[in-house]
Amino acid sequence: MADYIYFSALRDPASLVSIVMSLRRGSTLVGFAGGLLLFGEKNGWQKFPAVIGILVGIVLTVMG
């Protein structure tokens, strides 16, 4: 379902590709939080800097 919505948004000529792709990358944050909260990920703090890097990249893309 998420892929269908993603590709539908990309087909729209008025869509901003950088915003759509940033939202797609945001799914990584949901997966990370789910791993921590639902599955008790043991190496969460080791992965945290990479997740912060993704978040900063999303913010820079949306702001710039």
PDB file of N, CA and C in Angstrom:
ATOM      1  N   MET A   1       0.827  -1.188   0.000  1.00  0.00           N
ATOM      2  CA  MET A   1       0.000   0.000   0.000  1.00  0.00           C
ATOM      3  C   MET A   1       0.873   1.253   0.000  1.00  0.00           C
ATOM      4  N   ALA A   2       1.927   1.257   0.799  1.00  0.00           N
ATOM      5  CA  ALA A   2       2.804   2.426   0.862  1.00  0.00           C
ATOM      6  C   ALA A   2       3.478   2.676  -0.482  1.00  0.00           C
ATOM      7  N   ASP A   3       3.896   1.609  -1.161  1.00  0.00           N
ATOM      8  CA  ASP A   3       4.517   1.774  -2.475  1.00  0.00           C
ATOM      9  C   ASP A   3       3.527   2.338  -3.485  1.00  0.00           C
ATOM     10  N   TYR A   4       2.293   1.898  -3.440  1.00  0.00           N
ATOM     11  CA  TYR A   4       1.271   2.418  -4.345  1.00  0.00           C
ATOM     12  C   TYR A   4       1.081   3.922  -4.138  1.00  0.00           C
ATOM     13  N   ILE A   5       1.001   4.349  -2.886  1.00  0.00           N
ATOM     14  CA  ILE A   5       0.836   5.771  -2.583  1.00  0.00           C
ATOM     15  C   ILE A   5       2.070   6.555  -3.019  1.00  0.00           C
ATOM     16  N   TYR A   6       3.237   6.002  -2.780  1.00  0.00           N
ATOM     17  CA  TYR A   6       4.491   6.654  -3.160  1.00  0.00           C
ATOM     18  C   TYR A   6       4.566   6.866  -4.668  1.00  0.00           C
ATOM     19  N   PHE A   7       4.307   5.818  -5.437  1.00  0.00           N
ATOM     20  CA  PHE A   7       4.396   5.938  -6.888  1.00  0.00           C
ATOM     21  C   PHE A   7       3.252   6.774  -7.460  1.00  0.00           C
ATOM     22  N   SER A   8       2.103   6.774  -6.820  1.00  0.00           N
ATOM     23  CA  SER A   8       1.014   7.647  -7.243  1.00  0.00           C
ATOM     24  C   SER A   8       1.402   9.111  -7.044  1.00  0.00           C
ATOM     25  N   ALA A   9       2.061   9.394  -5.942  1.00  0.00           N
ATOM     26  CA  ALA A   9       2.515  10.761  -5.690  1.00  0.00           C
ATOM     27  C   ALA A   9       3.575  11.178  -6.702  1.00  0.00           C
ATOM     28  N   LEU A  10       4.448  10.270  -7.090  1.00  0.00           N
ATOM     29  CA  LEU A  10       5.477  10.607  -8.076  1.00  0.00           C
ATOM     30  C   LEU A  10       4.885  10.817  -9.470  1.00  0.00           C
ATOM     31  N   ARG A  11       3.766  10.179  -9.768  1.00  0.00           N
ATOM     32  CA  ARG A  11       3.115  10.356 -11.072  1.00  0.00           C
ATOM     33  C   ARG A  11       2.448  11.717 -11.204  1.00  0.00           C
ATOM     34  N   ASP A  12       2.121  12.332 -10.087  1.00  0.00           N
ATOM     35  CA  ASP A  12       1.458  13.631 -10.120  1.00  0.00           C
ATOM     36  C   ASP A  12       2.447  14.698 -10.572  1.00  0.00           C
ATOM     37  N   PRO A  13       2.157  15.417 -11.652  1.00  0.00           N
ATOM     38  CA  PRO A  13       3.107  16.413 -12.154  1.00  0.00           C
ATOM     39  C   PRO A  13       3.338  17.578 -11.189  1.00  0.00           C
ATOM     40  N   ALA A  14       2.420  17.814 -10.285  1.00  0.00           N
ATOM     41  CA  ALA A  14       2.568  18.922  -9.340  1.00  0.00           C
ATOM     42  C   ALA A  14       3.326  18.530  -8.077  1.00  0.00           C
ATOM     43  N   SER A  15       3.679  17.265  -7.950  1.00  0.00           N
ATOM     44  CA  SER A  15       4.339  16.829  -6.715  1.00  0.00           C
ATOM     45  C   SER A  15       5.792  17.292  -6.689  1.00  0.00           C
ATOM     46  N   LEU A  16       6.256  17.555  -5.501  1.00  0.00           N
ATOM     47  CA  LEU A  16       7.653  17.928  -5.289  1.00  0.00           C
ATOM     48  C   LEU A  16       8.416  16.650  -4.938  1.00  0.00           C
ATOM     49  N   VAL A  17       9.275  16.232  -5.830  1.00  0.00           N
ATOM     50  CA  VAL A  17       9.950  14.945  -5.685  1.00  0.00           C
ATOM     51  C   VAL A  17      10.787  14.904  -4.409  1.00  0.00           C
ATOM     52  N   SER A  18      11.456  15.988  -4.079  1.00  0.00           N
ATOM     53  CA  SER A  18      12.300  15.977  -2.880  1.00  0.00           C
ATOM     54  C   SER A  18      11.476  15.783  -1.616  1.00  0.00           C
ATOM     55  N   ILE A  19      10.286  16.345  -1.577  1.00  0.00           N
ATOM     56  CA  ILE A  19       9.423  16.176  -0.405  1.00  0.00           C
ATOM     57  C   ILE A  19       8.895  14.749  -0.337  1.00  0.00           C
ATOM     58  N   VAL A  20       8.466  14.220  -1.471  1.00  0.00           N
ATOM     59  CA  VAL A  20       7.936  12.856  -1.502  1.00  0.00           C
ATOM     60  C   VAL A  20       9.020  11.857  -1.098  1.00  0.00           C
ATOM     61  N   MET A  21      10.231  12.048  -1.609  1.00  0.00           N
ATOM     62  CA  MET A  21      11.314  11.129  -1.266  1.00  0.00           C
ATOM     63  C   MET A  21      11.719  11.265   0.202  1.00  0.00           C
ATOM     64  N   SER A  22      11.649  12.478   0.748  1.00  0.00           N
ATOM     65  CA  SER A  22      11.954  12.665   2.167  1.00  0.00           C
ATOM     66  C   SER A  22      10.952  11.938   3.046  1.00  0.00           C
ATOM     67  N   LEU A  23       9.698  11.997   2.664  1.00  0.00           N
ATOM     68  CA  LEU A  23       8.690  11.259   3.431  1.00  0.00           C
ATOM     69  C   LEU A  23       8.932   9.762   3.342  1.00  0.00           C
ATOM     70  N   ARG A  24       9.378   9.316   2.191  1.00  0.00           N
ATOM     71  CA  ARG A  24       9.698   7.891   2.017  1.00  0.00           C
ATOM     72  C   ARG A  24      10.854   7.483   2.939  1.00  0.00           C
ATOM     73  N   ARG A  25      11.856   8.343   3.042  1.00  0.00           N
ATOM     74  CA  ARG A  25      12.988   8.048   3.929  1.00  0.00           C
ATOM     75  C   ARG A  25      12.574   8.103   5.392  1.00  0.00           C
ATOM     76  N   GLY A  26      11.523   8.828   5.682  1.00  0.00           N
ATOM     77  CA  GLY A  26      11.014   8.902   7.047  1.00  0.00           C
ATOM     78  C   GLY A  26      10.503   7.567   7.561  1.00  0.00           C
ATOM     79  N   SER A  27      10.210   6.647   6.652  1.00  0.00           N
ATOM     80  CA  SER A  27       9.755   5.326   7.090  1.00  0.00           C
ATOM     81  C   SER A  27      10.857   4.588   7.846  1.00  0.00           C
ATOM     82  N   THR A  28      12.104   4.966   7.594  1.00  0.00           N
ATOM     83  CA  THR A  28      13.226   4.389   8.344  1.00  0.00           C
ATOM     84  C   THR A  28      13.091   4.721   9.824  1.00  0.00           C
ATOM     85  N   LEU A  29      12.642   5.926  10.119  1.00  0.00           N
ATOM     86  CA  LEU A  29      12.470   6.336  11.517  1.00  0.00           C
ATOM     87  C   LEU A  29      11.376   5.521  12.192  1.00  0.00           C
ATOM     88  N   VAL A  30      10.327   5.240  11.465  1.00  0.00           N
ATOM     89  CA  VAL A  30       9.236   4.417  12.017  1.00  0.00           C
ATOM     90  C   VAL A  30       9.737   3.004  12.290  1.00  0.00           C
ATOM     91  N   GLY A  31      10.502   2.447  11.366  1.00  0.00           N
ATOM     92  CA  GLY A  31      11.059   1.110  11.557  1.00  0.00           C
ATOM     93  C   GLY A  31      12.016   1.050  12.735  1.00  0.00           C
ATOM     94  N   PHE A  32      12.826   2.083  12.885  1.00  0.00           N
ATOM     95  CA  PHE A  32      13.772   2.142  14.008  1.00  0.00           C
ATOM     96  C   PHE A  32      13.035   2.221  15.341  1.00  0.00           C
ATOM     97  N   ALA A  33      12.034   3.104  15.407  1.00  0.00           N
ATOM     98  CA  ALA A  33      11.262   3.238  16.644  1.00  0.00           C
ATOM     99  C   ALA A  33      10.504   1.952  16.958  1.00  0.00           C
ATOM    100  N   GLY A  34       9.955   1.312  15.936  1.00  0.00           N
ATOM    101  CA  GLY A  34       9.264   0.048  16.145  1.00  0.00           C
ATOM    102  C   GLY A  34      10.193  -1.030  16.653  1.00  0.00           C
ATOM    103  N   GLY A  35      11.411  -1.069  16.109  1.00  0.00           N
ATOM    104  CA  GLY A  35      12.395  -2.045  16.575  1.00  0.00           C
ATOM    105  C   GLY A  35      12.755  -1.836  18.033  1.00  0.00           C
ATOM    106  N   LEU A  36      12.878  -0.570  18.425  1.00  0.00           N
ATOM    107  CA  LEU A  36      13.209  -0.272  19.819  1.00  0.00           C
ATOM    108  C   LEU A  36      12.047  -0.592  20.767  1.00  0.00           C
ATOM    109  N   LEU A  37      10.886  -0.104  20.417  1.00  0.00           N
ATOM    110  CA  LEU A  37       9.758  -0.195  21.342  1.00  0.00           C
ATOM    111  C   LEU A  37       9.050  -1.550  21.322  1.00  0.00           C
ATOM    112  N   LEU A  38       8.857  -2.102  20.146  1.00  0.00           N
ATOM    113  CA  LEU A  38       8.088  -3.339  20.047  1.00  0.00           C
ATOM    114  C   LEU A  38       8.933  -4.600  20.185  1.00  0.00           C
ATOM    115  N   PHE A  39      10.143  -4.552  19.641  1.00  0.00           N
ATOM    116  CA  PHE A  39      10.957  -5.764  19.594  1.00  0.00           C
ATOM    117  C   PHE A  39      12.164  -5.726  20.527  1.00  0.00           C
ATOM    118  N   GLY A  40      12.354  -4.623  21.252  1.00  0.00           N
ATOM    119  CA  GLY A  40      13.443  -4.536  22.212  1.00  0.00           C
ATOM    120  C   GLY A  40      14.822  -4.648  21.575  1.00  0.00           C
ATOM    121  N   GLU A  41      15.042  -3.893  20.514  1.00  0.00           N
ATOM    122  CA  GLU A  41      16.333  -3.906  19.811  1.00  0.00           C
ATOM    123  C   GLU A  41      17.466  -3.632  20.791  1.00  0.00           C
ATOM    124  N   LYS A  42      18.435  -4.533  20.833  1.00  0.00           N
ATOM    125  CA  LYS A  42      19.542  -4.418  21.791  1.00  0.00           C
ATOM    126  C   LYS A  42      20.624  -3.437  21.320  1.00  0.00           C
ATOM    127  N   ASN A  43      20.785  -3.268  20.021  1.00  0.00           N
ATOM    128  CA  ASN A  43      21.829  -2.398  19.477  1.00  0.00           C
ATOM    129  C   ASN A  43      21.274  -1.055  19.025  1.00  0.00           C
ATOM    130  N   GLY A  44      20.215  -0.604  19.644  1.00  0.00           N
ATOM    131  CA  GLY A  44      19.561   0.639  19.239  1.00  0.00           C
ATOM    132  C   GLY A  44      20.447   1.849  19.364  1.00  0.00           C
ATOM    133  N   TRP A  45      21.217   1.922  20.439  1.00  0.00           N
ATOM    134  CA  TRP A  45      22.070   3.098  20.634  1.00  0.00           C
ATOM    135  C   TRP A  45      23.223   3.125  19.641  1.00  0.00           C
ATOM    136  N   GLN A  46      23.639   1.990  19.153  1.00  0.00           N
ATOM    137  CA  GLN A  46      24.692   1.964  18.138  1.00  0.00           C
ATOM    138  C   GLN A  46      24.163   2.428  16.786  1.00  0.00           C
ATOM    139  N   LYS A  47      22.892   2.231  16.543  1.00  0.00           N
ATOM    140  CA  LYS A  47      22.263   2.645  15.286  1.00  0.00           C
ATOM    141  C   LYS A  47      21.742   4.076  15.340  1.00  0.00           C
ATOM    142  N   PHE A  48      21.667   4.630  16.530  1.00  0.00           N
ATOM    143  CA  PHE A  48      21.093   5.957  16.723  1.00  0.00           C
ATOM    144  C   PHE A  48      21.796   7.052  15.915  1.00  0.00           C
ATOM    145  N   PRO A  49      23.142   7.093  15.844  1.00  0.00           N
ATOM    146  CA  PRO A  49      23.782   8.139  15.021  1.00  0.00           C
ATOM    147  C   PRO A  49      23.383   8.078  13.547  1.00  0.00           C
ATOM    148  N   ALA A  50      23.224   6.898  12.997  1.00  0.00           N
ATOM    149  CA  ALA A  50      22.797   6.774  11.602  1.00  0.00           C
ATOM    150  C   ALA A  50      21.378   7.296  11.424  1.00  0.00           C
ATOM    151  N   VAL A  51      20.514   7.024  12.384  1.00  0.00           N
ATOM    152  CA  VAL A  51      19.134   7.495  12.310  1.00  0.00           C
ATOM    153  C   VAL A  51      19.096   9.019  12.432  1.00  0.00           C
ATOM    154  N   ILE A  52      19.926   9.578  13.279  1.00  0.00           N
ATOM    155  CA  ILE A  52      20.018  11.042  13.390  1.00  0.00           C
ATOM    156  C   ILE A  52      20.494  11.632  12.068  1.00  0.00           C
ATOM    157  N   GLY A  53      21.442  10.972  11.416  1.00  0.00           N
ATOM    158  CA  GLY A  53      21.917  11.430  10.110  1.00  0.00           C
ATOM    159  C   GLY A  53      20.803  11.438   9.074  1.00  0.00           C
ATOM    160  N   ILE A  54      19.963  10.415   9.091  1.00  0.00           N
ATOM    161  CA  ILE A  54      18.823  10.367   8.169  1.00  0.00           C
ATOM    162  C   ILE A  54      17.854  11.503   8.481  1.00  0.00           C
ATOM    163  N   LEU A  55      17.598  11.717   9.752  1.00  0.00           N
ATOM    164  CA  LEU A  55      16.681  12.781  10.159  1.00  0.00           C
ATOM    165  C   LEU A  55      17.210  14.150   9.750  1.00  0.00           C
ATOM    166  N   VAL A  56      18.492  14.382   9.936  1.00  0.00           N
ATOM    167  CA  VAL A  56      19.095  15.668   9.533  1.00  0.00           C
ATOM    168  C   VAL A  56      19.003  15.826   8.015  1.00  0.00           C
ATOM    169  N   GLY A  57      19.240  14.764   7.280  1.00  0.00           N
ATOM    170  CA  GLY A  57      19.120  14.821   5.829  1.00  0.00           C
ATOM    171  C   GLY A  57      17.711  15.159   5.377  1.00  0.00           C
ATOM    172  N   ILE A  58      16.726  14.589   6.037  1.00  0.00           N
ATOM    173  CA  ILE A  58      15.331  14.894   5.709  1.00  0.00           C
ATOM    174  C   ILE A  58      15.037  16.367   5.974  1.00  0.00           C
ATOM    175  N   VAL A  59      15.468  16.844   7.133  1.00  0.00           N
ATOM    176  CA  VAL A  59      15.214  18.255   7.488  1.00  0.00           C
ATOM    177  C   VAL A  59      15.902  19.189   6.498  1.00  0.00           C
ATOM    178  N   LEU A  60      17.144  18.892   6.136  1.00  0.00           N
ATOM    179  CA  LEU A  60      17.859  19.744   5.192  1.00  0.00           C
ATOM    180  C   LEU A  60      17.205  19.730   3.815  1.00  0.00           C
ATOM    181  N   THR A  61      16.693  18.589   3.405  1.00  0.00           N
ATOM    182  CA  THR A  61      16.032  18.505   2.109  1.00  0.00           C
ATOM    183  C   THR A  61      14.736  19.313   2.098  1.00  0.00           C
ATOM    184  N   VAL A  62      13.977  19.204   3.166  1.00  0.00           N
ATOM    185  CA  VAL A  62      12.692  19.900   3.219  1.00  0.00           C
ATOM    186  C   VAL A  62      12.900  21.403   3.383  1.00  0.00           C
ATOM    187  N   MET A  63      13.875  21.798   4.176  1.00  0.00           N
ATOM    188  CA  MET A  63      14.117  23.228   4.430  1.00  0.00           C
ATOM    189  C   MET A  63      14.808  23.911   3.250  1.00  0.00           C
ATOM    190  N   GLY A  64      15.628  23.171   2.518  1.00  0.00           N
ATOM    191  CA  GLY A  64      16.448  23.811   1.465  1.00  0.00           C
ATOM    192  C   GLY A  64      15.850  23.706   0.187  1.00  0.00           C
TER     193      GLY A  64
END
